[in-house]
Amino acid sequence: MSRRIILLLSVGVLLFSLTGTKTNTSFAQTASVKLPGKIQNVFLIVMENHNWSSIKGSSNAPYINGSLLPIAAHAERYKNPPGVHPSLPNYLWLEAGGNFGIVDDNPPSDHPLTWTDHLVTRLKSRGITWKAYMEGITGTACPLTDNGNYAVRHNPFVYFNDVTNDLDGSSAYCIAHIRPLAEIATDLATGTAAQYNFIVPNLCHDMHNSCNGANSTKLGDAWLSVHVPLVLASTAYQNGALFITWDEAGQGDGPIGMIVLSPFAKHGYRNWIRYNHGATLRTLEIIFGLVPPLRGDISHDAELSDLFATFP
């Protein structure tokens, strides 16, 4: 065999090897991990600052009351953790099971957390994919500060240094996982949504503000009527669960809303079990098979399993 033929064969083998390696690596980075139960995908939408009594039965929330509650399970006695206010401590509770002593809404530069045993980092360690979809961010930088109607206090992930590479606005890991809300439609349509999806509207759509003089509840309900159907129509939802809650009560500690939609949830069901954000986190830990629970999870609440016909 001539040297020319040997050389061509060698180059061909090398190119095949490199191409195969690249493809396998890409697949490994995007492949989903099989979770222990039937629920394989989770969506969590967090709204703002309303007691459940101001939502349930309200004419300003026709989508929630007329379209969602008849097909959902919901809790009548779900509250924010006792005395935990304002917003930021409640978002941190949903991510890590505690508020780290934080009782304000200051930015990550004031509260850089070195704690690593929180939900998305535990998911990362198990190869479980996650994304946060934030309305109002550009997607070109790690969103560490307020920008227009984007409120950084509603983004718990950027308070953890292991997500932001120590408050680095150019952190590739942060940018890859915290994305503009507009991208969720494409991700759902193409089947590339993560296994854990944390979804936050902007201040005009999360019931926080009365923008342009409109009723805040009505604005949030209209936003849900656009975005919830995207989730419900997706293939990810066929073996998934969507949780809709509020960060904190408008007065006192609540109750606030907790609505669960899933092929595995009870439909048109409600209960009066006492819950708070610790129950949501515990539910996520069980769905994702995180054993033992997060070390910061100090609530030890009952999980939300009663809202499901099949769990997890």
C-alpha atoms as a PDB file:
ATOM      1  CA  MET A   1       0.000   0.000   0.000  1.00  0.00           C
ATOM      2  CA  SER A   2       1.422   3.399  -0.961  1.00  0.00           C
ATOM      3  CA  ARG A   3       2.321   6.032   1.598  1.00  0.00           C
ATOM      4  CA  ARG A   4      -0.307   8.343   0.018  1.00  0.00           C
ATOM      5  CA  ILE A   5      -3.110   5.820   0.598  1.00  0.00           C
ATOM      6  CA  ILE A   6      -1.938   5.137   4.150  1.00  0.00           C
ATOM      7  CA  LEU A   7      -1.870   8.878   4.849  1.00  0.00           C
ATOM      8  CA  LEU A   8      -5.389   9.394   3.470  1.00  0.00           C
ATOM      9  CA  LEU A   9      -6.750   6.492   5.506  1.00  0.00           C
ATOM     10  CA  SER A  10      -5.093   7.831   8.648  1.00  0.00           C
ATOM     11  CA  VAL A  11      -6.567  11.296   8.127  1.00  0.00           C
ATOM     12  CA  GLY A  12     -10.002   9.771   7.534  1.00  0.00           C
ATOM     13  CA  VAL A  13      -9.835   7.750  10.746  1.00  0.00           C
ATOM     14  CA  LEU A  14      -8.702  10.823  12.675  1.00  0.00           C
ATOM     15  CA  LEU A  15     -11.529  12.978  11.304  1.00  0.00           C
ATOM     16  CA  PHE A  16     -14.097  10.274  12.062  1.00  0.00           C
ATOM     17  CA  SER A  17     -12.746   9.943  15.584  1.00  0.00           C
ATOM     18  CA  LEU A  18     -12.854  13.683  16.215  1.00  0.00           C
ATOM     19  CA  THR A  19     -16.349  14.036  14.769  1.00  0.00           C
ATOM     20  CA  GLY A  20     -17.660  11.130  16.798  1.00  0.00           C
ATOM     21  CA  THR A  21     -16.120  12.445  19.975  1.00  0.00           C
ATOM     22  CA  LYS A  22     -17.642  15.888  19.465  1.00  0.00           C
ATOM     23  CA  THR A  23     -21.104  14.479  18.827  1.00  0.00           C
ATOM     24  CA  ASN A  24     -21.002  12.243  21.891  1.00  0.00           C
ATOM     25  CA  THR A  25     -19.801  15.085  24.092  1.00  0.00           C
ATOM     26  CA  SER A  26     -22.604  17.332  22.863  1.00  0.00           C
ATOM     27  CA  PHE A  27     -25.173  14.625  23.570  1.00  0.00           C
ATOM     28  CA  ALA A  28     -23.803  14.083  27.056  1.00  0.00           C
ATOM     29  CA  GLN A  29     -24.198  17.780  27.812  1.00  0.00           C
ATOM     30  CA  THR A  30     -27.827  17.921  26.730  1.00  0.00           C
ATOM     31  CA  ALA A  31     -29.138  14.463  27.662  1.00  0.00           C
ATOM     32  CA  SER A  32     -31.761  14.250  30.391  1.00  0.00           C
ATOM     33  CA  VAL A  33     -31.334  12.117  33.481  1.00  0.00           C
ATOM     34  CA  LYS A  34     -34.143   9.651  34.189  1.00  0.00           C
ATOM     35  CA  LEU A  35     -35.878  10.757  37.369  1.00  0.00           C
ATOM     36  CA  PRO A  36     -37.230   8.234  39.904  1.00  0.00           C
ATOM     37  CA  GLY A  37     -40.959   8.820  39.368  1.00  0.00           C
ATOM     38  CA  LYS A  38     -43.390   9.554  36.563  1.00  0.00           C
ATOM     39  CA  ILE A  39     -42.770  13.319  36.728  1.00  0.00           C
ATOM     40  CA  GLN A  40     -39.734  14.068  34.570  1.00  0.00           C
ATOM     41  CA  ASN A  41     -40.061  17.812  33.968  1.00  0.00           C
ATOM     42  CA  VAL A  42     -40.936  20.643  36.330  1.00  0.00           C
ATOM     43  CA  PHE A  43     -42.079  24.194  35.642  1.00  0.00           C
ATOM     44  CA  LEU A  44     -42.389  26.709  38.478  1.00  0.00           C
ATOM     45  CA  ILE A  45     -43.963  30.139  37.886  1.00  0.00           C
ATOM     46  CA  VAL A  46     -43.670  32.689  40.687  1.00  0.00           C
ATOM     47  CA  MET A  47     -46.078  35.606  40.875  1.00  0.00           C
ATOM     48  CA  GLU A  48     -46.037  38.462  43.393  1.00  0.00           C
ATOM     49  CA  ASN A  49     -47.501  39.905  46.570  1.00  0.00           C
ATOM     50  CA  HIS A  50     -51.114  38.738  46.647  1.00  0.00           C
ATOM     51  CA  ASN A  51     -53.193  36.911  49.202  1.00  0.00           C
ATOM     52  CA  TRP A  52     -55.129  33.974  47.811  1.00  0.00           C
ATOM     53  CA  SER A  53     -58.356  35.634  48.949  1.00  0.00           C
ATOM     54  CA  SER A  54     -57.710  38.434  46.436  1.00  0.00           C
ATOM     55  CA  ILE A  55     -57.213  35.955  43.574  1.00  0.00           C
ATOM     56  CA  LYS A  56     -59.714  33.167  44.116  1.00  0.00           C
ATOM     57  CA  GLY A  57     -63.115  34.176  42.789  1.00  0.00           C
ATOM     58  CA  SER A  58     -61.855  37.558  41.607  1.00  0.00           C
ATOM     59  CA  SER A  59     -63.332  38.974  38.411  1.00  0.00           C
ATOM     60  CA  ASN A  60     -59.841  40.303  37.705  1.00  0.00           C
ATOM     61  CA  ALA A  61     -58.499  36.750  37.403  1.00  0.00           C
ATOM     62  CA  PRO A  62     -60.823  35.047  34.901  1.00  0.00           C
ATOM     63  CA  TYR A  63     -58.132  32.759  33.501  1.00  0.00           C
ATOM     64  CA  ILE A  64     -57.041  31.449  36.893  1.00  0.00           C
ATOM     65  CA  ASN A  65     -60.586  30.926  38.120  1.00  0.00           C
ATOM     66  CA  GLY A  66     -62.314  29.905  34.917  1.00  0.00           C
ATOM     67  CA  SER A  67     -59.628  27.921  33.090  1.00  0.00           C
ATOM     68  CA  LEU A  68     -56.985  26.724  35.544  1.00  0.00           C
ATOM     69  CA  LEU A  69     -58.716  25.835  38.804  1.00  0.00           C
ATOM     70  CA  PRO A  70     -61.222  23.434  37.181  1.00  0.00           C
ATOM     71  CA  ILE A  71     -58.354  21.327  35.800  1.00  0.00           C
ATOM     72  CA  ALA A  72     -55.852  21.894  38.621  1.00  0.00           C
ATOM     73  CA  ALA A  73     -55.282  21.002  42.233  1.00  0.00           C
ATOM     74  CA  HIS A  74     -54.740  23.885  44.611  1.00  0.00           C
ATOM     75  CA  ALA A  75     -53.978  24.552  48.257  1.00  0.00           C
ATOM     76  CA  GLU A  76     -56.159  26.762  50.452  1.00  0.00           C
ATOM     77  CA  ARG A  77     -53.641  27.101  53.313  1.00  0.00           C
ATOM     78  CA  TYR A  78     -50.331  27.681  51.554  1.00  0.00           C
ATOM     79  CA  LYS A  79     -48.410  30.582  53.103  1.00  0.00           C
ATOM     80  CA  ASN A  80     -45.034  32.222  52.784  1.00  0.00           C
ATOM     81  CA  PRO A  81     -42.693  31.059  55.593  1.00  0.00           C
ATOM     82  CA  PRO A  82     -43.687  32.665  58.906  1.00  0.00           C
ATOM     83  CA  GLY A  83     -42.687  36.309  59.076  1.00  0.00           C
ATOM     84  CA  VAL A  84     -40.421  36.042  56.030  1.00  0.00           C
ATOM     85  CA  HIS A  85     -40.578  39.270  54.029  1.00  0.00           C
ATOM     86  CA  PRO A  86     -40.009  40.992  51.605  1.00  0.00           C
ATOM     87  CA  SER A  87     -39.563  39.245  48.240  1.00  0.00           C
ATOM     88  CA  LEU A  88     -35.913  38.155  48.125  1.00  0.00           C
ATOM     89  CA  PRO A  89     -35.946  35.971  51.263  1.00  0.00           C
ATOM     90  CA  ASN A  90     -38.903  34.033  49.853  1.00  0.00           C
ATOM     91  CA  TYR A  91     -37.221  33.403  46.508  1.00  0.00           C
ATOM     92  CA  LEU A  92     -34.119  32.204  48.340  1.00  0.00           C
ATOM     93  CA  TRP A  93     -36.329  29.884  50.390  1.00  0.00           C
ATOM     94  CA  LEU A  94     -37.664  28.270  47.215  1.00  0.00           C
ATOM     95  CA  GLU A  95     -34.091  27.645  46.064  1.00  0.00           C
ATOM     96  CA  ALA A  96     -32.313  26.681  49.278  1.00  0.00           C
ATOM     97  CA  GLY A  97     -34.819  26.160  52.101  1.00  0.00           C
ATOM     98  CA  GLY A  98     -33.916  29.260  54.087  1.00  0.00           C
ATOM     99  CA  ASN A  99     -33.278  32.976  53.776  1.00  0.00           C
ATOM    100  CA  PHE A 100     -29.704  33.080  55.180  1.00  0.00           C
ATOM    101  CA  GLY A 101     -30.777  35.825  57.575  1.00  0.00           C
ATOM    102  CA  ILE A 102     -31.588  38.169  54.680  1.00  0.00           C
ATOM    103  CA  VAL A 103     -34.587  40.413  55.363  1.00  0.00           C
ATOM    104  CA  ASP A 104     -34.301  42.951  52.539  1.00  0.00           C
ATOM    105  CA  ASP A 105     -34.410  43.150  48.743  1.00  0.00           C
ATOM    106  CA  ASN A 106     -30.838  44.312  48.195  1.00  0.00           C
ATOM    107  CA  PRO A 107     -28.872  43.151  45.125  1.00  0.00           C
ATOM    108  CA  PRO A 108     -26.381  40.261  44.961  1.00  0.00           C
ATOM    109  CA  SER A 109     -23.483  42.653  45.504  1.00  0.00           C
ATOM    110  CA  ASP A 110     -24.822  43.145  49.045  1.00  0.00           C
ATOM    111  CA  HIS A 111     -25.561  39.450  49.609  1.00  0.00           C
ATOM    112  CA  PRO A 112     -23.041  37.252  47.760  1.00  0.00           C
ATOM    113  CA  LEU A 113     -23.766  33.745  49.044  1.00  0.00           C
ATOM    114  CA  THR A 114     -20.985  31.167  49.163  1.00  0.00           C
ATOM    115  CA  TRP A 115     -23.436  28.406  50.153  1.00  0.00           C
ATOM    116  CA  THR A 116     -23.287  25.643  47.527  1.00  0.00           C
ATOM    117  CA  ASP A 117     -25.886  23.140  48.747  1.00  0.00           C
ATOM    118  CA  HIS A 118     -28.834  24.707  46.966  1.00  0.00           C
ATOM    119  CA  LEU A 119     -31.228  23.232  44.450  1.00  0.00           C
ATOM    120  CA  VAL A 120     -29.770  24.005  41.028  1.00  0.00           C
ATOM    121  CA  THR A 121     -26.221  23.173  42.066  1.00  0.00           C
ATOM    122  CA  ARG A 122     -27.425  19.839  43.421  1.00  0.00           C
ATOM    123  CA  LEU A 123     -29.241  19.288  40.113  1.00  0.00           C
ATOM    124  CA  LYS A 124     -26.074  20.136  38.192  1.00  0.00           C
ATOM    125  CA  SER A 125     -24.093  17.602  40.221  1.00  0.00           C
ATOM    126  CA  ARG A 126     -26.569  14.895  39.183  1.00  0.00           C
ATOM    127  CA  GLY A 127     -26.641  15.916  35.532  1.00  0.00           C
ATOM    128  CA  ILE A 128     -30.231  17.196  35.758  1.00  0.00           C
ATOM    129  CA  THR A 129     -30.758  20.155  33.448  1.00  0.00           C
ATOM    130  CA  TRP A 130     -32.143  23.495  34.617  1.00  0.00           C
ATOM    131  CA  LYS A 131     -32.934  26.955  33.310  1.00  0.00           C
ATOM    132  CA  ALA A 132     -34.437  30.127  34.684  1.00  0.00           C
ATOM    133  CA  TYR A 133     -36.517  32.223  32.299  1.00  0.00           C
ATOM    134  CA  MET A 134     -36.599  35.876  33.338  1.00  0.00           C
ATOM    135  CA  GLU A 135     -38.723  38.446  31.571  1.00  0.00           C
ATOM    136  CA  GLY A 136     -36.818  41.637  30.837  1.00  0.00           C
ATOM    137  CA  ILE A 137     -33.222  40.413  30.639  1.00  0.00           C
ATOM    138  CA  THR A 138     -31.076  40.551  27.512  1.00  0.00           C
ATOM    139  CA  GLY A 139     -29.444  37.139  27.686  1.00  0.00           C
ATOM    140  CA  THR A 140     -26.068  38.662  26.822  1.00  0.00           C
ATOM    141  CA  ALA A 141     -24.886  39.095  30.417  1.00  0.00           C
ATOM    142  CA  CYS A 142     -25.446  37.578  33.827  1.00  0.00           C
ATOM    143  CA  PRO A 143     -28.305  39.801  35.124  1.00  0.00           C
ATOM    144  CA  LEU A 144     -26.934  40.991  38.475  1.00  0.00           C
ATOM    145  CA  THR A 145     -28.805  44.301  38.741  1.00  0.00           C
ATOM    146  CA  ASP A 146     -32.279  45.700  38.143  1.00  0.00           C
ATOM    147  CA  ASN A 147     -33.030  46.676  34.567  1.00  0.00           C
ATOM    148  CA  GLY A 148     -36.339  48.310  33.682  1.00  0.00           C
ATOM    149  CA  ASN A 149     -39.084  45.957  34.862  1.00  0.00           C
ATOM    150  CA  TYR A 150     -36.629  43.147  35.594  1.00  0.00           C
ATOM    151  CA  ALA A 151     -36.106  42.911  39.357  1.00  0.00           C
ATOM    152  CA  VAL A 152     -32.959  41.074  40.407  1.00  0.00           C
ATOM    153  CA  ARG A 153     -34.534  40.325  43.802  1.00  0.00           C
ATOM    154  CA  HIS A 154     -36.871  37.928  41.973  1.00  0.00           C
ATOM    155  CA  ASN A 155     -33.925  35.946  40.613  1.00  0.00           C
ATOM    156  CA  PRO A 156     -32.545  33.866  43.503  1.00  0.00           C
ATOM    157  CA  PHE A 157     -29.873  32.110  41.451  1.00  0.00           C
ATOM    158  CA  VAL A 158     -27.683  35.168  40.932  1.00  0.00           C
ATOM    159  CA  TYR A 159     -27.208  35.505  44.689  1.00  0.00           C
ATOM    160  CA  PHE A 160     -25.164  32.288  44.741  1.00  0.00           C
ATOM    161  CA  ASN A 161     -21.512  32.716  43.840  1.00  0.00           C
ATOM    162  CA  ASP A 162     -21.287  29.260  42.287  1.00  0.00           C
ATOM    163  CA  VAL A 163     -23.869  30.330  39.680  1.00  0.00           C
ATOM    164  CA  THR A 164     -22.312  33.710  38.870  1.00  0.00           C
ATOM    165  CA  ASN A 165     -18.639  32.800  39.236  1.00  0.00           C
ATOM    166  CA  ASP A 166     -18.345  35.313  42.076  1.00  0.00           C
ATOM    167  CA  LEU A 167     -20.586  38.060  40.666  1.00  0.00           C
ATOM    168  CA  ASP A 168     -19.063  37.942  37.198  1.00  0.00           C
ATOM    169  CA  GLY A 169     -21.393  39.657  34.742  1.00  0.00           C
ATOM    170  CA  SER A 170     -19.736  37.680  31.941  1.00  0.00           C
ATOM    171  CA  SER A 171     -20.156  34.289  33.636  1.00  0.00           C
ATOM    172  CA  ALA A 172     -20.777  31.777  30.849  1.00  0.00           C
ATOM    173  CA  TYR A 173     -22.524  29.378  33.236  1.00  0.00           C
ATOM    174  CA  CYS A 174     -24.904  32.072  34.452  1.00  0.00           C
ATOM    175  CA  ILE A 175     -25.667  33.317  30.948  1.00  0.00           C
ATOM    176  CA  ALA A 176     -26.309  29.791  29.668  1.00  0.00           C
ATOM    177  CA  HIS A 177     -28.792  28.985  32.430  1.00  0.00           C
ATOM    178  CA  ILE A 178     -30.573  32.290  33.040  1.00  0.00           C
ATOM    179  CA  ARG A 179     -32.308  33.178  29.823  1.00  0.00           C
ATOM    180  CA  PRO A 180     -34.826  35.710  28.481  1.00  0.00           C
ATOM    181  CA  LEU A 181     -38.426  34.608  28.916  1.00  0.00           C
ATOM    182  CA  ALA A 182     -39.078  34.850  25.171  1.00  0.00           C
ATOM    183  CA  GLU A 183     -36.877  31.797  24.586  1.00  0.00           C
ATOM    184  CA  ILE A 184     -39.154  29.401  26.441  1.00  0.00           C
ATOM    185  CA  ALA A 185     -41.617  29.197  23.543  1.00  0.00           C
ATOM    186  CA  THR A 186     -38.924  27.897  21.193  1.00  0.00           C
ATOM    187  CA  ASP A 187     -37.462  25.566  23.811  1.00  0.00           C
ATOM    188  CA  LEU A 188     -40.884  24.042  24.456  1.00  0.00           C
ATOM    189  CA  ALA A 189     -41.697  23.738  20.762  1.00  0.00           C
ATOM    190  CA  THR A 190     -38.383  22.076  19.926  1.00  0.00           C
ATOM    191  CA  GLY A 191     -38.331  19.777  22.948  1.00  0.00           C
ATOM    192  CA  THR A 192     -35.194  21.375  24.372  1.00  0.00           C
ATOM    193  CA  ALA A 193     -36.646  22.701  27.628  1.00  0.00           C
ATOM    194  CA  ALA A 194     -34.728  21.759  30.754  1.00  0.00           C
ATOM    195  CA  GLN A 195     -35.957  19.320  33.376  1.00  0.00           C
ATOM    196  CA  TYR A 196     -36.319  22.157  35.911  1.00  0.00           C
ATOM    197  CA  ASN A 197     -37.656  25.461  34.609  1.00  0.00           C
ATOM    198  CA  PHE A 198     -38.042  28.490  36.885  1.00  0.00           C
ATOM    199  CA  ILE A 199     -40.193  31.181  35.266  1.00  0.00           C
ATOM    200  CA  VAL A 200     -40.531  34.783  36.444  1.00  0.00           C
ATOM    201  CA  PRO A 201     -42.585  37.542  34.760  1.00  0.00           C
ATOM    202  CA  ASN A 202     -41.478  41.157  34.947  1.00  0.00           C
ATOM    203  CA  LEU A 203     -42.892  43.673  37.425  1.00  0.00           C
ATOM    204  CA  CYS A 204     -45.786  44.561  35.127  1.00  0.00           C
ATOM    205  CA  HIS A 205     -46.860  40.949  34.657  1.00  0.00           C
ATOM    206  CA  ASP A 206     -46.216  39.265  38.014  1.00  0.00           C
ATOM    207  CA  MET A 207     -49.034  41.162  39.800  1.00  0.00           C
ATOM    208  CA  HIS A 208     -46.482  43.334  41.585  1.00  0.00           C
ATOM    209  CA  ASN A 209     -47.159  46.655  39.832  1.00  0.00           C
ATOM    210  CA  SER A 210     -50.197  48.346  38.359  1.00  0.00           C
ATOM    211  CA  CYS A 211     -48.504  49.380  35.135  1.00  0.00           C
ATOM    212  CA  ASN A 212     -50.131  52.046  32.975  1.00  0.00           C
ATOM    213  CA  GLY A 213     -52.951  52.310  35.487  1.00  0.00           C
ATOM    214  CA  ALA A 214     -54.131  48.731  34.884  1.00  0.00           C
ATOM    215  CA  ASN A 215     -55.174  46.392  37.681  1.00  0.00           C
ATOM    216  CA  SER A 216     -52.145  44.317  38.742  1.00  0.00           C
ATOM    217  CA  THR A 217     -54.158  41.119  39.187  1.00  0.00           C
ATOM    218  CA  LYS A 218     -55.700  41.500  35.750  1.00  0.00           C
ATOM    219  CA  LEU A 219     -52.281  42.063  34.158  1.00  0.00           C
ATOM    220  CA  GLY A 220     -50.846  38.955  35.797  1.00  0.00           C
ATOM    221  CA  ASP A 221     -53.855  36.827  34.916  1.00  0.00           C
ATOM    222  CA  ALA A 222     -53.589  37.914  31.277  1.00  0.00           C
ATOM    223  CA  TRP A 223     -49.877  37.049  31.264  1.00  0.00           C
ATOM    224  CA  LEU A 224     -50.641  33.584  32.621  1.00  0.00           C
ATOM    225  CA  SER A 225     -53.296  33.104  29.931  1.00  0.00           C
ATOM    226  CA  VAL A 226     -50.582  33.529  27.287  1.00  0.00           C
ATOM    227  CA  HIS A 227     -47.710  31.581  28.841  1.00  0.00           C
ATOM    228  CA  VAL A 228     -49.358  28.702  30.698  1.00  0.00           C
ATOM    229  CA  PRO A 229     -50.910  27.260  27.499  1.00  0.00           C
ATOM    230  CA  LEU A 230     -47.407  27.063  25.991  1.00  0.00           C
ATOM    231  CA  VAL A 231     -46.389  24.737  28.803  1.00  0.00           C
ATOM    232  CA  LEU A 232     -49.600  22.707  28.771  1.00  0.00           C
ATOM    233  CA  ALA A 233     -49.317  22.096  25.013  1.00  0.00           C
ATOM    234  CA  SER A 234     -45.694  20.937  25.172  1.00  0.00           C
ATOM    235  CA  THR A 235     -44.407  17.382  25.054  1.00  0.00           C
ATOM    236  CA  ALA A 236     -42.449  18.115  28.247  1.00  0.00           C
ATOM    237  CA  TYR A 237     -45.722  18.630  30.123  1.00  0.00           C
ATOM    238  CA  GLN A 238     -46.982  15.175  29.154  1.00  0.00           C
ATOM    239  CA  ASN A 239     -44.739  13.755  31.869  1.00  0.00           C
ATOM    240  CA  GLY A 240     -44.324  16.952  33.824  1.00  0.00           C
ATOM    241  CA  ALA A 241     -45.811  19.250  36.435  1.00  0.00           C
ATOM    242  CA  LEU A 242     -46.436  22.990  36.508  1.00  0.00           C
ATOM    243  CA  PHE A 243     -46.526  24.809  39.840  1.00  0.00           C
ATOM    244  CA  ILE A 244     -47.844  28.380  40.096  1.00  0.00           C
ATOM    245  CA  THR A 245     -47.325  30.227  43.360  1.00  0.00           C
ATOM    246  CA  TRP A 246     -46.821  33.711  44.774  1.00  0.00           C
ATOM    247  CA  ASP A 247     -43.685  34.834  46.585  1.00  0.00           C
ATOM    248  CA  GLU A 248     -45.415  36.358  49.602  1.00  0.00           C
ATOM    249  CA  ALA A 249     -48.730  37.651  50.818  1.00  0.00           C
ATOM    250  CA  GLY A 250     -49.882  41.202  50.302  1.00  0.00           C
ATOM    251  CA  GLN A 251     -50.929  41.287  53.959  1.00  0.00           C
ATOM    252  CA  GLY A 252     -49.458  39.108  56.685  1.00  0.00           C
ATOM    253  CA  ASP A 253     -48.205  35.672  55.679  1.00  0.00           C
ATOM    254  CA  GLY A 254     -51.196  34.612  53.616  1.00  0.00           C
ATOM    255  CA  PRO A 255     -52.575  32.215  52.585  1.00  0.00           C
ATOM    256  CA  ILE A 256     -51.145  32.719  49.109  1.00  0.00           C
ATOM    257  CA  GLY A 257     -51.815  30.693  45.989  1.00  0.00           C
ATOM    258  CA  MET A 258     -50.384  27.306  45.080  1.00  0.00           C
ATOM    259  CA  ILE A 259     -51.815  25.814  41.903  1.00  0.00           C
ATOM    260  CA  VAL A 260     -50.600  22.505  40.475  1.00  0.00           C
ATOM    261  CA  LEU A 261     -51.273  21.373  36.923  1.00  0.00           C
ATOM    262  CA  SER A 262     -50.075  17.991  35.733  1.00  0.00           C
ATOM    263  CA  PRO A 263     -51.332  14.835  34.036  1.00  0.00           C
ATOM    264  CA  PHE A 264     -50.559  13.274  37.433  1.00  0.00           C
ATOM    265  CA  ALA A 265     -52.301  15.907  39.589  1.00  0.00           C
ATOM    266  CA  LYS A 266     -55.815  15.713  40.955  1.00  0.00           C
ATOM    267  CA  HIS A 267     -58.195  17.801  38.863  1.00  0.00           C
ATOM    268  CA  GLY A 268     -60.614  20.294  40.374  1.00  0.00           C
ATOM    269  CA  TYR A 269     -59.232  19.422  43.800  1.00  0.00           C
ATOM    270  CA  ARG A 270     -58.305  21.544  46.806  1.00  0.00           C
ATOM    271  CA  ASN A 271     -57.017  20.840  50.287  1.00  0.00           C
ATOM    272  CA  TRP A 272     -56.512  22.663  53.579  1.00  0.00           C
ATOM    273  CA  ILE A 273     -53.125  21.231  54.536  1.00  0.00           C
ATOM    274  CA  ARG A 274     -50.690  23.786  55.948  1.00  0.00           C
ATOM    275  CA  TYR A 275     -47.851  24.452  53.500  1.00  0.00           C
ATOM    276  CA  ASN A 276     -45.209  27.059  52.809  1.00  0.00           C
ATOM    277  CA  HIS A 277     -42.312  27.393  50.356  1.00  0.00           C
ATOM    278  CA  GLY A 278     -40.466  24.669  52.218  1.00  0.00           C
ATOM    279  CA  ALA A 279     -43.146  22.251  51.031  1.00  0.00           C
ATOM    280  CA  THR A 280     -42.520  23.238  47.422  1.00  0.00           C
ATOM    281  CA  LEU A 281     -38.780  22.749  47.794  1.00  0.00           C
ATOM    282  CA  ARG A 282     -39.305  19.389  49.502  1.00  0.00           C
ATOM    283  CA  THR A 283     -41.592  18.367  46.628  1.00  0.00           C
ATOM    284  CA  LEU A 284     -38.903  19.270  44.094  1.00  0.00           C
ATOM    285  CA  GLU A 285     -36.296  17.336  46.074  1.00  0.00           C
ATOM    286  CA  ILE A 286     -38.479  14.225  45.924  1.00  0.00           C
ATOM    287  CA  ILE A 287     -39.260  14.608  42.216  1.00  0.00           C
ATOM    288  CA  PHE A 288     -35.573  15.022  41.389  1.00  0.00           C
ATOM    289  CA  GLY A 289     -34.490  12.242  43.744  1.00  0.00           C
ATOM    290  CA  LEU A 290     -32.262  14.447  45.893  1.00  0.00           C
ATOM    291  CA  VAL A 291     -31.221  12.395  48.911  1.00  0.00           C
ATOM    292  CA  PRO A 292     -30.468  13.582  51.516  1.00  0.00           C
ATOM    293  CA  PRO A 293     -32.471  16.837  51.421  1.00  0.00           C
ATOM    294  CA  LEU A 294     -30.635  20.120  51.064  1.00  0.00           C
ATOM    295  CA  ARG A 295     -28.751  20.997  54.237  1.00  0.00           C
ATOM    296  CA  GLY A 296     -30.332  24.451  54.289  1.00  0.00           C
ATOM    297  CA  ASP A 297     -33.877  23.075  54.177  1.00  0.00           C
ATOM    298  CA  ILE A 298     -34.872  23.943  57.732  1.00  0.00           C
ATOM    299  CA  SER A 299     -38.651  23.858  57.315  1.00  0.00           C
ATOM    300  CA  HIS A 300     -39.245  20.079  57.270  1.00  0.00           C
ATOM    301  CA  ASP A 301     -42.672  20.677  55.768  1.00  0.00           C
ATOM    302  CA  ALA A 302     -44.953  18.092  54.289  1.00  0.00           C
ATOM    303  CA  GLU A 303     -44.499  17.887  50.543  1.00  0.00           C
ATOM    304  CA  LEU A 304     -47.315  18.703  48.106  1.00  0.00           C
ATOM    305  CA  SER A 305     -48.026  15.048  47.296  1.00  0.00           C
ATOM    306  CA  ASP A 306     -51.686  15.298  48.361  1.00  0.00           C
ATOM    307  CA  LEU A 307     -52.309  17.498  45.314  1.00  0.00           C
ATOM    308  CA  PHE A 308     -51.306  14.605  43.042  1.00  0.00           C
ATOM    309  CA  ALA A 309     -53.110  11.409  42.114  1.00  0.00           C
ATOM    310  CA  THR A 310     -49.715   9.869  41.297  1.00  0.00           C
ATOM    311  CA  PHE A 311     -46.536  11.129  42.960  1.00  0.00           C
ATOM    312  CA  PRO A 312     -43.747  11.528  42.099  1.00  0.00           C
END
